[in-house]
Each structure stands twice: as structure tokens, then as C-alpha cells.
Protein backbone atom coordinates (compact mmCIF):
# COMPACT_ATOMS: atom_id res chain seq x y z
CA UNK A 1 2.48 2.01 26.16
CA UNK A 2 1.14 3.04 22.62
CA UNK A 3 3.35 1.71 20.29
CA UNK A 4 5.47 3.82 17.92
CA UNK A 5 4.85 3.53 14.22
CA UNK A 6 6.86 4.63 11.94
CA UNK A 7 7.54 4.84 7.92
CA UNK A 8 10.04 2.58 6.52
CA UNK A 9 10.25 3.89 2.73
CA UNK A 10 6.48 4.02 0.88
CA UNK A 11 5.73 0.23 1.49
CA UNK A 12 6.87 -0.55 5.05
CA UNK A 13 6.36 0.32 8.54
CA UNK A 14 8.44 -0.54 11.89
CA UNK A 15 6.80 -0.88 15.42
CA UNK A 16 8.95 0.41 18.55
CA UNK A 17 7.96 -1.90 21.03
CA UNK A 18 8.95 -2.41 24.60
CA UNK A 19 10.65 -5.59 25.32
CA UNK A 20 11.10 -8.82 23.02
CA UNK A 21 7.85 -10.49 25.02
CA UNK A 22 5.85 -7.70 22.98
CA UNK A 23 7.61 -7.87 19.50
CA UNK A 24 6.67 -11.88 19.96
CA UNK A 25 3.17 -11.68 20.45
CA UNK A 26 2.75 -8.59 17.84
CA UNK A 27 4.49 -11.20 15.55
CA UNK A 28 2.42 -13.85 15.87
CA UNK A 29 -0.79 -12.18 15.89
CA UNK A 30 0.06 -10.75 12.29
CA UNK A 31 1.78 -14.11 10.63
CA UNK A 32 -1.77 -15.53 11.95
CA UNK A 33 -4.21 -12.83 10.96
CA UNK A 34 -1.86 -10.65 8.30
CA UNK A 35 -3.15 -6.98 7.63
CA UNK A 36 -4.94 -6.31 4.62
CA UNK A 37 -2.27 -6.33 1.42
CA UNK A 38 0.51 -7.37 4.01
CA UNK A 39 3.35 -9.62 2.29
CA UNK A 40 5.65 -9.75 5.39
CA UNK A 41 6.36 -9.60 8.88
CA UNK A 42 9.77 -9.79 10.78
CA UNK A 43 10.06 -9.89 14.30
CA UNK A 44 13.71 -8.44 16.08
CA UNK A 45 14.70 -7.27 19.28
CA UNK A 46 12.86 -4.43 19.94
CA UNK A 47 10.19 -4.26 16.42
CA UNK A 48 8.39 -5.33 14.52
CA UNK A 49 8.88 -4.39 10.75
CA UNK A 50 5.46 -5.17 8.23
CA UNK A 51 5.92 -4.46 4.57
CA UNK A 52 3.00 -4.07 2.21
CA UNK A 53 2.37 -4.55 -1.73
CA UNK A 54 1.54 -0.84 -2.02
CA UNK A 55 1.81 2.93 -0.26
CA UNK A 56 -1.61 2.98 -0.05
CA UNK A 57 -1.68 0.28 2.11
CA UNK A 58 1.59 1.20 4.11
CA UNK A 59 0.40 4.30 4.71
CA UNK A 60 -3.56 2.81 6.03
CA UNK A 61 -1.60 0.29 8.29
CA UNK A 62 0.18 3.17 9.83
CA UNK A 63 -2.69 5.01 10.82
CA UNK A 64 -4.55 1.67 12.48
CA UNK A 65 -1.50 0.26 14.11
CA UNK A 66 -0.80 2.28 17.23
CA UNK A 67 -4.45 1.28 18.27
CA UNK A 68 -3.99 -2.63 17.71
CA UNK A 69 -3.34 -4.74 21.01
CA UNK A 70 -2.50 -8.65 20.50
CA UNK A 71 -3.10 -11.12 23.07
CA UNK A 72 -0.10 -12.98 24.52
CA UNK A 73 1.30 -15.55 21.69
CA UNK A 74 1.55 -19.37 22.41
CA UNK A 75 5.07 -20.30 23.61
CA UNK A 76 6.56 -23.49 21.70
CA UNK A 77 7.66 -26.38 23.58
CA UNK A 78 12.00 -25.56 23.29
CA UNK A 79 14.29 -27.82 22.02
CA UNK A 80 18.04 -28.50 23.37
CA UNK A 81 20.74 -27.95 20.89
CA UNK A 82 24.74 -28.55 21.43
CA UNK A 83 27.00 -26.39 18.82
CA UNK A 84 30.17 -27.24 18.64
CA UNK A 85 32.68 -24.24 18.57
CA UNK A 86 36.42 -24.19 18.15
CA UNK A 87 37.38 -20.49 19.48
CA UNK A 88 39.89 -19.39 16.86
CA UNK A 89 37.48 -15.95 16.06
CA UNK A 90 39.56 -12.75 14.70
CA UNK A 91 38.39 -10.70 17.00
CA UNK A 92 38.39 -13.02 20.11
CA UNK A 93 41.59 -11.26 21.71
CA UNK A 94 41.01 -7.92 21.23
CA UNK A 95 36.98 -8.25 22.57
CA UNK A 96 37.82 -10.05 25.46
CA UNK A 97 40.83 -7.15 26.39
CA UNK A 98 38.04 -4.35 25.56
CA UNK A 99 35.39 -5.57 27.95
CA UNK A 100 38.27 -6.19 30.86
CA UNK A 101 38.44 -9.95 30.48
CA UNK A 102 40.76 -12.32 29.77
CA UNK A 103 40.28 -15.23 26.13
CA UNK A 104 39.56 -17.73 28.24
CA UNK A 105 37.35 -15.92 30.17
CA UNK A 106 35.14 -14.99 27.29
CA UNK A 107 35.27 -18.73 26.05
CA UNK A 108 34.18 -19.63 29.70
CA UNK A 109 31.09 -17.18 29.90
CA UNK A 110 30.60 -17.78 26.07
CA UNK A 111 30.05 -21.66 26.62
CA UNK A 112 28.50 -21.25 30.23
CA UNK A 113 25.49 -19.25 29.06
CA UNK A 114 22.53 -21.36 28.45
CA UNK A 115 21.35 -18.94 25.43
CA UNK A 116 17.37 -18.53 23.62
CA UNK A 117 16.43 -18.60 20.38
CA UNK A 118 14.86 -15.06 19.95
CA UNK A 119 14.32 -14.56 16.35
CA UNK A 120 15.69 -15.61 12.98
CA UNK A 121 16.67 -12.71 10.36
CA UNK A 122 20.30 -11.30 8.68
CA UNK A 123 20.14 -14.43 6.62
CA UNK A 124 18.79 -18.42 6.51
CA UNK A 125 19.77 -20.21 9.43
CA UNK A 126 21.00 -17.09 11.23
CA UNK A 127 19.32 -16.68 14.28
CA UNK A 128 19.68 -14.54 17.27
CA UNK A 129 20.21 -15.85 20.76
CA UNK A 130 20.18 -14.10 24.09
CA UNK A 131 21.16 -15.11 27.52
CA UNK A 132 18.38 -17.08 29.35
CA UNK A 133 19.14 -15.65 32.93
CA UNK A 134 19.22 -12.17 30.92
CA UNK A 135 23.05 -11.26 32.11
CA UNK A 136 24.64 -10.58 28.78
CA UNK A 137 27.03 -8.48 27.55
CA UNK A 138 26.84 -5.67 25.67
CA UNK A 139 29.07 -5.63 22.60
CA UNK A 140 30.04 -3.80 20.06
CA UNK A 141 29.54 -3.95 16.44
CA UNK A 142 32.62 -3.43 14.48
CA UNK A 143 33.36 0.08 12.80
CA UNK A 144 33.59 -0.90 9.46
CA UNK A 145 31.48 -4.43 8.65
CA UNK A 146 33.32 -7.06 6.65
CA UNK A 147 33.19 -7.03 3.57
CA UNK A 148 33.07 -11.21 4.00
CA UNK A 149 32.31 -13.24 7.29
CA UNK A 150 32.93 -16.86 6.87
CA UNK A 151 30.72 -19.75 6.46
CA UNK A 152 30.48 -21.54 10.39
CA UNK A 153 31.86 -17.95 12.00
CA UNK A 154 30.93 -17.83 15.78
CA UNK A 155 29.48 -14.18 16.43
CA UNK A 156 28.56 -11.33 19.28
CA UNK A 157 26.99 -8.43 18.77
CA UNK A 158 24.57 -6.44 21.06
CA UNK A 159 23.32 -8.90 24.03
CA UNK A 160 23.46 -11.62 21.50
CA UNK A 161 25.28 -14.27 20.00
CA UNK A 162 24.49 -16.10 16.60
CA UNK A 163 26.20 -18.31 13.78
CA UNK A 164 27.13 -17.19 10.28
CA UNK A 165 25.57 -19.82 8.19
CA UNK A 166 27.53 -19.44 5.05
CA UNK A 167 30.38 -16.63 3.72
CA UNK A 168 28.25 -13.19 3.96
CA UNK A 169 29.08 -9.62 5.13
CA UNK A 170 28.85 -8.74 8.80
CA UNK A 171 29.75 -6.16 11.47
CA UNK A 172 29.59 -8.74 14.26
CA UNK A 173 32.83 -9.61 16.80
CA UNK A 174 34.04 -13.01 15.94
CA UNK A 175 35.24 -15.71 18.07
CA UNK A 176 34.79 -18.74 16.88
CA UNK A 177 34.18 -21.73 14.31
CA UNK A 178 31.74 -24.48 14.29
CA UNK A 179 30.71 -26.85 11.22
CA UNK A 180 27.29 -27.48 12.47
CA UNK A 181 25.22 -26.89 9.45
CA UNK A 182 22.45 -24.23 10.19
CA UNK A 183 20.24 -24.50 7.65
CA UNK A 184 18.88 -27.43 5.53
CA UNK A 185 16.00 -25.79 2.96
CA UNK A 186 14.37 -29.40 2.61
CA UNK A 187 13.92 -30.01 6.48
CA UNK A 188 10.89 -28.45 8.72
CA UNK A 189 11.73 -25.94 9.59
CA UNK A 190 14.66 -25.20 7.50
CA UNK A 191 16.99 -23.21 10.82
CA UNK A 192 18.90 -25.78 13.13
CA UNK A 193 17.60 -22.96 15.63
CA UNK A 194 14.16 -22.17 15.71
CA UNK A 195 12.91 -18.89 18.18
CA UNK A 196 12.43 -20.60 21.72
CA UNK A 197 15.14 -23.32 21.76
CA UNK A 198 17.82 -23.48 23.91
CA UNK A 199 21.41 -23.48 22.55
CA UNK A 200 24.57 -24.49 24.25
CA UNK A 201 27.96 -24.13 23.10
CA UNK A 202 30.65 -26.32 23.54
CA UNK A 203 34.43 -25.32 23.19
CA UNK A 204 36.39 -28.45 21.16
CA UNK A 205 40.10 -28.28 19.50
CA UNK A 206 38.82 -30.45 16.51
CA UNK A 207 35.62 -31.59 15.01
CA UNK A 208 34.49 -34.76 15.61
CA UNK A 209 32.97 -34.56 12.21
CA UNK A 210 32.93 -32.11 9.31
CA UNK A 211 29.41 -31.57 7.85
CA UNK A 212 29.40 -29.49 4.67
CA UNK A 213 26.44 -27.07 4.07
CA UNK A 214 22.82 -28.39 3.68
CA UNK A 215 21.67 -25.40 1.36
CA UNK A 216 20.74 -26.65 -1.83
CA UNK A 217 17.73 -28.75 -1.96
CA UNK A 218 17.09 -27.79 -5.40
CA UNK A 219 13.66 -28.74 -7.11
CA UNK A 220 14.79 -29.61 -10.88
CA UNK A 221 11.41 -29.55 -13.36
CA UNK A 222 11.68 -30.76 -16.90
CA UNK A 223 13.20 -28.53 -19.48
CA UNK A 224 14.04 -28.10 -23.90
CA UNK A 225 17.70 -26.47 -23.78
CA UNK A 226 17.54 -23.37 -25.54
CA UNK A 227 20.67 -21.70 -25.68
CA UNK A 228 24.22 -22.62 -25.16
CA UNK A 229 26.40 -20.01 -23.12
CA UNK A 230 29.25 -18.86 -24.59
CA UNK A 231 30.44 -16.24 -22.13
CA UNK A 232 28.29 -15.30 -19.47
CA UNK A 233 30.39 -12.01 -18.55
CA UNK A 234 31.40 -10.56 -15.19
CA UNK A 235 28.43 -12.86 -14.10
CA UNK A 236 25.07 -14.09 -15.30
CA UNK A 237 22.61 -15.19 -13.19
CA UNK A 238 18.65 -16.54 -12.93
CA UNK A 239 15.89 -14.19 -11.78
CA UNK A 240 12.75 -13.99 -11.22
CA UNK A 241 10.57 -11.68 -8.36
CA UNK A 242 11.96 -13.66 -5.62
CA UNK A 243 10.54 -15.15 -2.11
CA UNK A 244 8.13 -13.12 -0.98
CA UNK A 245 6.98 -13.79 2.46
CA UNK A 246 9.65 -15.73 4.20
CA UNK A 247 11.43 -13.15 6.31
CA UNK A 248 10.45 -15.22 9.62
CA UNK A 249 13.32 -17.34 8.17
CA UNK A 250 15.88 -15.08 7.44
CA UNK A 251 15.06 -15.49 3.38
CA UNK A 252 14.40 -12.32 1.83
CA UNK A 253 13.02 -11.64 -1.25
CA UNK A 254 15.69 -11.34 -3.75
CA UNK A 255 15.23 -12.09 -7.29
CA UNK A 256 15.85 -9.21 -10.03
CA UNK A 257 17.62 -6.03 -8.83
CA UNK A 258 16.14 -4.22 -11.28
CA UNK A 259 12.65 -4.79 -11.28
CA UNK A 260 11.09 -2.44 -13.73
CA UNK A 261 13.86 -3.88 -16.12
CA UNK A 262 12.97 -7.35 -15.64
CA UNK A 263 9.09 -6.73 -15.72
CA UNK A 264 9.91 -4.91 -19.00
CA UNK A 265 11.47 -7.99 -20.97
CA UNK A 266 9.37 -10.71 -19.94
CA UNK A 267 5.96 -8.12 -20.96
CA UNK A 268 7.87 -7.51 -24.37
CA UNK A 269 7.90 -11.05 -25.42
CA UNK A 270 4.45 -12.05 -23.56
CA UNK A 271 5.92 -13.48 -20.76
CA UNK A 272 4.08 -13.02 -17.14
CA UNK A 273 5.50 -10.72 -14.69
CA UNK A 274 7.60 -13.20 -12.85
CA UNK A 275 9.03 -16.02 -15.48
CA UNK A 276 12.14 -16.63 -15.03
CA UNK A 277 15.04 -15.04 -16.93
CA UNK A 278 19.16 -13.75 -17.17
CA UNK A 279 20.64 -10.92 -15.48
CA UNK A 280 23.58 -9.85 -16.69
CA UNK A 281 26.72 -7.70 -15.43
CA UNK A 282 29.82 -6.99 -17.64
CA UNK A 283 27.98 -8.18 -21.28
CA UNK A 284 27.38 -11.91 -22.68
CA UNK A 285 27.54 -14.09 -25.65
CA UNK A 286 24.47 -17.20 -26.18
CA UNK A 287 24.04 -19.31 -29.29
CA UNK A 288 20.77 -20.40 -29.64
CA UNK A 289 19.99 -24.09 -29.97
CA UNK A 290 16.71 -23.65 -32.01
CA UNK A 291 15.01 -20.56 -32.60
CA UNK A 292 13.21 -18.43 -30.20
CA UNK A 293 12.12 -14.59 -29.41
CA UNK A 294 13.95 -12.83 -26.75
CA UNK A 295 14.09 -8.90 -25.38
CA UNK A 296 17.19 -6.86 -23.70
CA UNK A 297 16.24 -4.37 -21.35
CA UNK A 298 18.08 -2.57 -18.53
CA UNK A 299 21.41 -1.10 -18.77
CA UNK A 300 22.41 1.15 -21.99
CA UNK A 301 24.36 -1.74 -24.41
CA UNK A 302 24.47 -3.12 -27.92
CA UNK A 303 22.91 -6.12 -28.37
CA UNK A 304 23.40 -8.01 -31.65
CA UNK A 305 21.54 -11.20 -33.19
CA UNK A 306 23.84 -13.03 -35.09
CA UNK A 307 26.04 -9.72 -36.41
CA UNK A 308 22.71 -7.49 -36.70
CA UNK A 309 21.81 -4.66 -34.10
CA UNK A 310 18.68 -5.15 -31.79
CA UNK A 311 17.01 -2.77 -30.23
CA UNK A 312 16.73 -2.52 -26.78
CA UNK A 313 12.95 -3.28 -24.82
CA UNK A 314 11.80 -4.28 -28.16
CA UNK A 315 11.02 -8.54 -29.22
CA UNK A 316 13.89 -10.05 -31.77
CA UNK A 317 13.67 -13.40 -33.47
CA UNK A 318 16.45 -15.38 -32.68
CA UNK A 319 16.99 -17.58 -35.69
CA UNK A 320 18.92 -22.01 -34.47
CA UNK A 321 22.92 -21.27 -34.54
CA UNK A 322 22.69 -17.47 -34.43
CA UNK A 323 24.62 -16.00 -31.35
CA UNK A 324 22.95 -12.92 -29.25
CA UNK A 325 25.59 -10.72 -27.94
CA UNK A 326 25.02 -8.12 -25.48
CA UNK A 327 28.47 -5.91 -25.04
CA UNK A 328 29.65 -4.00 -21.89
CA UNK A 329 27.52 -1.21 -20.79
CA UNK A 330 28.19 2.42 -21.68
CA UNK A 331 25.59 3.39 -19.01
CA UNK A 332 23.66 1.36 -16.08
CA UNK A 333 24.92 -1.86 -14.81
CA UNK A 334 22.70 -4.71 -15.35
CA UNK A 335 20.66 -6.47 -18.14
CA UNK A 336 18.31 -8.51 -18.55
CA UNK A 337 17.33 -11.22 -21.05
CA UNK A 338 13.63 -12.63 -21.45
CA UNK A 339 12.82 -15.66 -23.63
CA UNK A 340 9.12 -16.58 -24.83
CA UNK A 341 7.80 -18.67 -22.80
CA UNK A 342 10.05 -17.92 -19.75
CA UNK A 343 13.72 -19.94 -18.88
CA UNK A 344 13.12 -23.02 -16.41
CA UNK A 345 15.54 -23.04 -13.59
CA UNK A 346 15.80 -25.11 -10.47
CA UNK A 347 14.12 -23.75 -7.75
CA UNK A 348 13.97 -23.45 -3.91
CA UNK A 349 11.82 -22.28 -1.59
CA UNK A 350 9.68 -21.76 -4.34
CA UNK A 351 11.90 -19.19 -6.76
CA UNK A 352 14.91 -19.53 -9.18
CA UNK A 353 16.17 -16.56 -7.94
CA UNK A 354 20.01 -16.83 -7.43
CA UNK A 355 20.11 -15.09 -3.72
CA UNK A 356 23.72 -14.13 -3.24
CA UNK A 357 23.62 -13.86 0.10
CA UNK A 358 22.29 -16.43 1.31
CA UNK A 359 22.91 -18.73 -1.43
CA UNK A 360 19.64 -19.95 -2.25
CA UNK A 361 18.89 -20.77 -5.69
CA UNK A 362 20.83 -21.53 -8.76
CA UNK A 363 24.57 -21.08 -8.95
CA UNK A 364 25.77 -18.59 -10.77
CA UNK A 365 25.46 -19.38 -14.42
CA UNK A 366 29.59 -20.58 -16.04
CA UNK A 367 30.61 -21.31 -20.08
CA UNK A 368 29.53 -24.11 -21.72
CA UNK A 369 25.99 -24.61 -19.18
CA UNK A 370 22.72 -24.62 -21.48
CA UNK A 371 20.02 -22.13 -20.63
CA UNK A 372 16.22 -24.11 -21.04
CA UNK A 373 12.99 -23.11 -21.20
CA UNK A 374 9.64 -24.83 -20.14
CA UNK A 375 8.39 -28.53 -22.37
CA UNK A 376 5.25 -26.76 -23.26
CA UNK A 377 6.13 -22.82 -22.77
CA UNK A 378 2.59 -20.43 -22.47
CA UNK A 379 2.40 -18.43 -25.58
CA UNK A 380 0.51 -14.47 -25.85
CA UNK A 381 0.93 -11.59 -27.67
CA UNK A 382 4.33 -9.45 -27.39
CA UNK A 383 4.52 -5.86 -26.40
CA UNK A 384 6.47 -3.13 -27.69
CA UNK A 385 7.53 -1.20 -24.64
CA UNK A 386 10.18 1.62 -23.47
CA UNK A 387 13.60 0.68 -21.65
CA UNK A 388 13.00 1.96 -18.11
CA UNK A 389 16.78 2.69 -17.27
CA UNK A 390 16.44 6.23 -15.57
CA UNK A 391 20.45 6.87 -14.85
CA UNK A 392 21.98 9.33 -16.73
CA UNK A 393 25.82 10.12 -17.91
CA UNK A 394 27.19 13.64 -16.99
CA UNK A 395 31.05 14.12 -17.91
CA UNK A 396 31.49 10.52 -18.64
CA UNK A 397 30.10 9.23 -15.08
CA UNK A 398 27.17 7.24 -14.36
CA UNK A 399 24.61 9.02 -12.20
CA UNK A 400 21.57 8.15 -10.45
CA UNK A 401 19.02 9.94 -8.32
CA UNK A 402 17.13 8.23 -6.27
CA UNK A 403 13.77 9.36 -3.61
CA UNK A 404 14.01 8.51 -0.04
CA UNK A 405 11.99 8.91 3.13
CA UNK A 406 13.92 9.60 6.14
CA UNK A 407 13.90 7.14 8.93
CA UNK A 408 13.42 4.94 10.53
CA UNK A 409 16.81 6.14 12.69
CA UNK A 410 17.10 9.43 11.56
CA UNK A 411 16.89 10.97 14.66
CA UNK A 412 20.06 9.51 15.46
CA UNK A 413 21.72 12.09 13.42
CA UNK A 414 21.46 15.52 13.97
CA UNK A 415 19.57 18.16 11.50
CA UNK A 416 22.67 19.53 10.29
CA UNK A 417 24.06 15.87 9.43
CA UNK A 418 20.41 14.64 7.74
CA UNK A 419 21.00 18.39 5.42
CA UNK A 420 24.24 16.79 4.74
CA UNK A 421 23.27 13.56 3.51
CA UNK A 422 20.57 14.87 1.64
CA UNK A 423 23.13 17.30 -0.30
CA UNK A 424 26.01 15.29 -0.83
CA UNK A 425 26.84 13.33 -4.54
CA UNK A 426 28.17 9.42 -3.04
CA UNK A 427 30.63 7.21 -4.83
CA UNK A 428 29.82 3.88 -6.01
CA UNK A 429 32.55 1.77 -3.92
CA UNK A 430 33.59 -1.48 -5.80
CA UNK A 431 32.61 -3.11 -2.74
CA UNK A 432 29.11 -2.83 -4.01
CA UNK A 433 27.34 -6.07 -5.32
CA UNK A 434 23.50 -7.00 -5.04
CA UNK A 435 23.53 -7.28 -1.39
CA UNK A 436 23.86 -3.69 -1.22
CA UNK A 437 26.00 -0.29 -2.87
CA UNK A 438 28.70 0.84 -0.32
CA UNK A 439 29.05 4.59 -0.67
CA UNK A 440 31.89 7.01 -0.03
CA UNK A 441 32.02 10.68 0.67
CA UNK A 442 34.86 13.07 2.05
CA UNK A 443 32.80 13.94 4.74
CA UNK A 444 31.49 10.64 6.84
CA UNK A 445 28.24 11.34 8.00
CA UNK A 446 28.49 11.25 12.44
CA UNK A 447 25.79 9.58 14.33
CA UNK A 448 24.10 11.93 17.10
CA UNK A 449 23.17 9.10 19.50
CA UNK A 450 25.41 7.25 21.31
CA UNK A 451 25.25 2.77 22.07
CA UNK A 452 24.46 0.13 19.71
CA UNK A 453 20.99 -0.17 18.07
CA UNK A 454 19.13 -3.42 18.63
CA UNK A 455 19.27 -5.80 15.22
CA UNK A 456 15.48 -4.66 13.12
CA UNK A 457 14.17 -5.66 9.62
CA UNK A 458 15.36 -4.33 7.03
CA UNK A 459 14.29 -3.77 3.61
CA UNK A 460 15.47 -3.47 -0.20
CA UNK A 461 16.21 0.61 0.01
CA UNK A 462 17.19 0.98 3.77
CA UNK A 463 20.39 3.55 3.93
CA UNK A 464 22.53 1.95 6.78
CA UNK A 465 25.19 4.15 8.50
CA UNK A 466 27.50 1.95 10.52
CA UNK A 467 30.13 3.62 12.45
CA UNK A 468 32.94 4.52 9.81
CA UNK A 469 30.20 7.07 8.58
CA UNK A 470 30.38 5.85 5.00
CA UNK A 471 26.37 4.92 3.80
CA UNK A 472 25.40 1.77 2.87
CA UNK A 473 21.99 1.05 0.46
CA UNK A 474 20.50 -2.22 0.47
CA UNK A 475 19.70 -3.63 -2.90
CA UNK A 476 17.42 -6.87 -3.23
CA UNK A 477 19.47 -9.65 -1.42
CA UNK A 478 19.80 -7.26 1.81
CA UNK A 479 19.94 -8.92 5.09
CA UNK A 480 16.52 -9.64 6.31
CA UNK A 481 17.35 -7.84 9.55
CA UNK A 482 20.78 -5.39 10.46
CA UNK A 483 22.26 -3.35 13.63
CA UNK A 484 23.38 -0.31 12.07
CA UNK A 485 20.55 3.30 12.34
CA UNK A 486 18.94 3.69 9.01
CA UNK A 487 18.91 7.02 8.14
CA UNK A 488 16.80 6.87 5.27
CA UNK A 489 14.83 4.40 2.94
CA UNK A 490 14.68 4.49 -1.22
CA UNK A 491 11.18 4.25 -2.21
CA UNK A 492 10.62 0.85 -3.88
CA UNK A 493 10.23 1.86 -6.82
CA UNK A 494 13.86 4.13 -7.07
CA UNK A 495 15.92 0.71 -5.83
CA UNK A 496 16.10 -0.23 -9.25
CA UNK A 497 18.18 3.12 -10.39
CA UNK A 498 20.30 2.09 -7.43
CA UNK A 499 20.60 -1.42 -8.90
CA UNK A 500 22.32 0.14 -12.50
CA UNK A 501 24.98 2.04 -10.33
CA UNK A 502 28.60 0.61 -11.43
CA UNK A 503 31.02 0.84 -8.90
CA UNK A 504 32.52 4.53 -9.57
CA UNK A 505 29.18 5.82 -10.29
CA UNK A 506 27.66 8.81 -8.62
CA UNK A 507 24.68 8.37 -6.42
CA UNK A 508 22.23 11.45 -5.56
CA UNK A 509 19.52 11.28 -2.71
CA UNK A 510 16.05 13.42 -2.66
CA UNK A 511 13.54 13.34 -0.50
CA UNK A 512 10.09 11.97 -1.82
CA UNK A 513 6.96 13.54 -1.28
CA UNK A 514 4.07 11.64 -1.62
């Protein structure tokens, strides 16, 4: 069978394969010997997603992969893992009724089944498990995903069972709760359940021992305080360009939501492009502890140093004791503050990026904290650049237009629905965040194809259509995998535009032509 290869935006492809064994063969081969300019490979139920560092590399791979024929992958020796579950899930009763089962019979089926871990995805420690005997149920996802699923929720969707390792959005049916920690950054492997492991769920009324989450094993490099945070605004995060290449662990790249603005800020003060900086929403106030040079980019906002105006995308001296103030934006949403020499923050998996979905990286910055830089910062020349913000104001409303490539699942929708998707002005809802923009329009998009899509790899820019018909555009902290069909994928360069749209903004899609 010739594999079907489809583009995913401008820098990725997805390969449709016949079964999970074929997926693991492809995943093993592409992990051992990556294609030229490959940055990550993500295994899922029936697909392999491969990402690249340029559109040209993705196009070259798309042409070559139909002839790719990997050898059978070696299977690791499985471990046996038991997870205690209190069956108190919010969807347990309604799910049992929809399946024609009683609550007790559904619990009996879940606990008597031996589950085999198939692949990681969605979030760190979230491992998709399938029944060892192949006798699974077909569990529909929720019509509208929850914006917040509690940490430790035990859930079902499609043929899979899994545990949400931390609080996050999700559309699976919740059947119970566990206190078993699913992720430990310091462990090897960091996920409790690895592909090939056998999992049994054991029903309990109470937990013998309460385990706290083990996400944070942060490296703490030496540093020199440079700013005191007087007011962090709605939120201020440490960011860099993220954790590339960890999709197999369920870890998305994360990093600065607006890449162009972050790179511009760092370049302006002579930093490397991946230097750590601040990402701010809602404005902020910082007091300098020593003289330094900063640059602010991103949202259209007023910037003052010691009460005097400063320009965006321009290196600016901040004297010791002066206050750097960034106002709430007039247009756009996120501001970036780079400090000459780069900031220093605690790191996890090699990055200081704060990932709001997974919880990896430093916690959001609070008032009274100090922001620090390296003890021996690298010095280089400043640059004069243009602020890269690409949103507009129309009648007092922020508007952004993003280019997209149809698919990979546009065939789940009629031609008329796809045309309506491209012709609609969408409103960004208040439920949006760094994980994704939740959009709303008067006429929901209806699927033409019934049934559930097996979970598959996602990228920043994936436009999912849940059963509600209201699109969700993934941003930098997106889940590694998802189970709603992606009608189109925003090209990598235009994810920056989506990241600058606050609630109430208008988002438009247009087809990308190479």
C-alpha cells in the first residue's frame, strides 16, 4: 500500500498509514535517521507527522516519502504499570448510558482490560493506550472541548484510554481521577508510561498516598538581577524559541508566541535570536537595578523610560533606578522585552520557555520578583529594525489576516463549507490563550464525514473544527496531538499574526500560494 502524504501548512507533512504497527515502523526509522532538515517526528494512531525547518525541505520530503519503505521496528520489553483510579468522572454516567452499559459495567470493563501504551502526545506524560486484546469501544469526543480538564483525570476517547497529567483543555470523556504522577522531567524516560508498556487500572475509593505533580526539575544557572517587577500586567512570561524535537514525549515546541517580534527585539540589542526575553500581555512596569539596554517590540503600545517616551524596535538605555513602563496595547496583544546580553531564567528540557499547557518551564512572573541576566553576558552590536506587528485597526477593532494551506483533513468537509470557512470573518473569543484562539461565527462549520478522527499530530497553526463547528487555531503551546479534523493550517510565518489578536478581534483566512 502506497502511503498518502499530505502537506500540513508550509513546513510539515502528514503520512496516512494502515495501522499502528506501520506507524511505529515509520516513527522508528525517521527517529534513527532523520530526513534532511527534519526537526521532529510525531507518531499517532494512524499517521506520522514530520516537521521541517523550511518550506523547501517539506516539499522535498513530500515528493520522496511515497517511496519510503522502513524496516520493521524493534519492540522494547514492556513494563507492567498499575494506576489507581477513583471512578468519579464527570462523564461516567452519561457515557455508560450512551453505550448501553451501567456505570458498574463500564468500570468493570475499564479495570479488567489490559491496556498497551501506543504513543505519547497531547501533553507531557499523556500516553495513548489501546486494549491489548483489540476489543475496544468507540468513544465519541465531546462536541465542545472543555477549556479546563483537571490534573489526574482518567479519560476515554475513540479506542484510547489516557490520564491528563496536569490541568489543560481537552475533549475526552472523563471517567475517573488518579493521584499517580504521570511525568517527571528528571526521570528517564520522563513519562511514567512509555510506548509498549502494559497498563492496568485499579478501582479505589480513596488513595493510599497522595503524590504531587513532578513537572518541575528546573536547572538554575547563576545570574545577576537587572530589574524588579513592579507590575507584571495580565501576565508576563519568560520565553525563548522553545523545546524543538520533543514531540515523542508529548512536549510541544512552545516558545515566543510571536516569533518575529521576539527575534527583532533580540537582534535590536545584539542578542542571539534564541536569547531569553519577556513576553507580556496587558502592559507592565519594571525598575532597573543597574544600567542596561532594552528593546520593546510586538503590540502597538506606549513605552516610557523614566517617564520619557521610547520607540518600539529601537535599542533604549535604561539608567539604574529608572522605571520601564509598557502601556496596555492599542493594537495587538503581546509585547516583547529583550535586554542586552539576554535574560537568565530556570530551564527545563533545555529551554526557559514557559509552556502554559504542559506546565514546563518557569512559572509566570509576579510582582516583586527580580528579572536577571547572565553574569558574563555576550556583547555584540545593536541593530535598528522595524517593528514586525502585522495587525490592523478597522473601526476600532483589531483585524488580522492569515494565510493557510487547506488540510490535511479538508476532505471531512464539503466544498461549500470550505469556501464558507475562507469567506467568514471570525471573532476571537475570551477563552483564547497561548494554547489556541477559539473563534466564533454566526454559522458553524458542519462536517460532511461522520465518526471520529483518530488522534494525529498537530502544529502551531492547525485549525481544528470540533463538533460545535467553531474553529480553534492552535498557537505555540498547542497539544502535540489532537482528534478533531484540521480543515486548514496557518503557515508558520503567519502564526505570529494570530498570536497578536486579543479577544474581540477579527480573524480572516486566505489561501496561501507558494
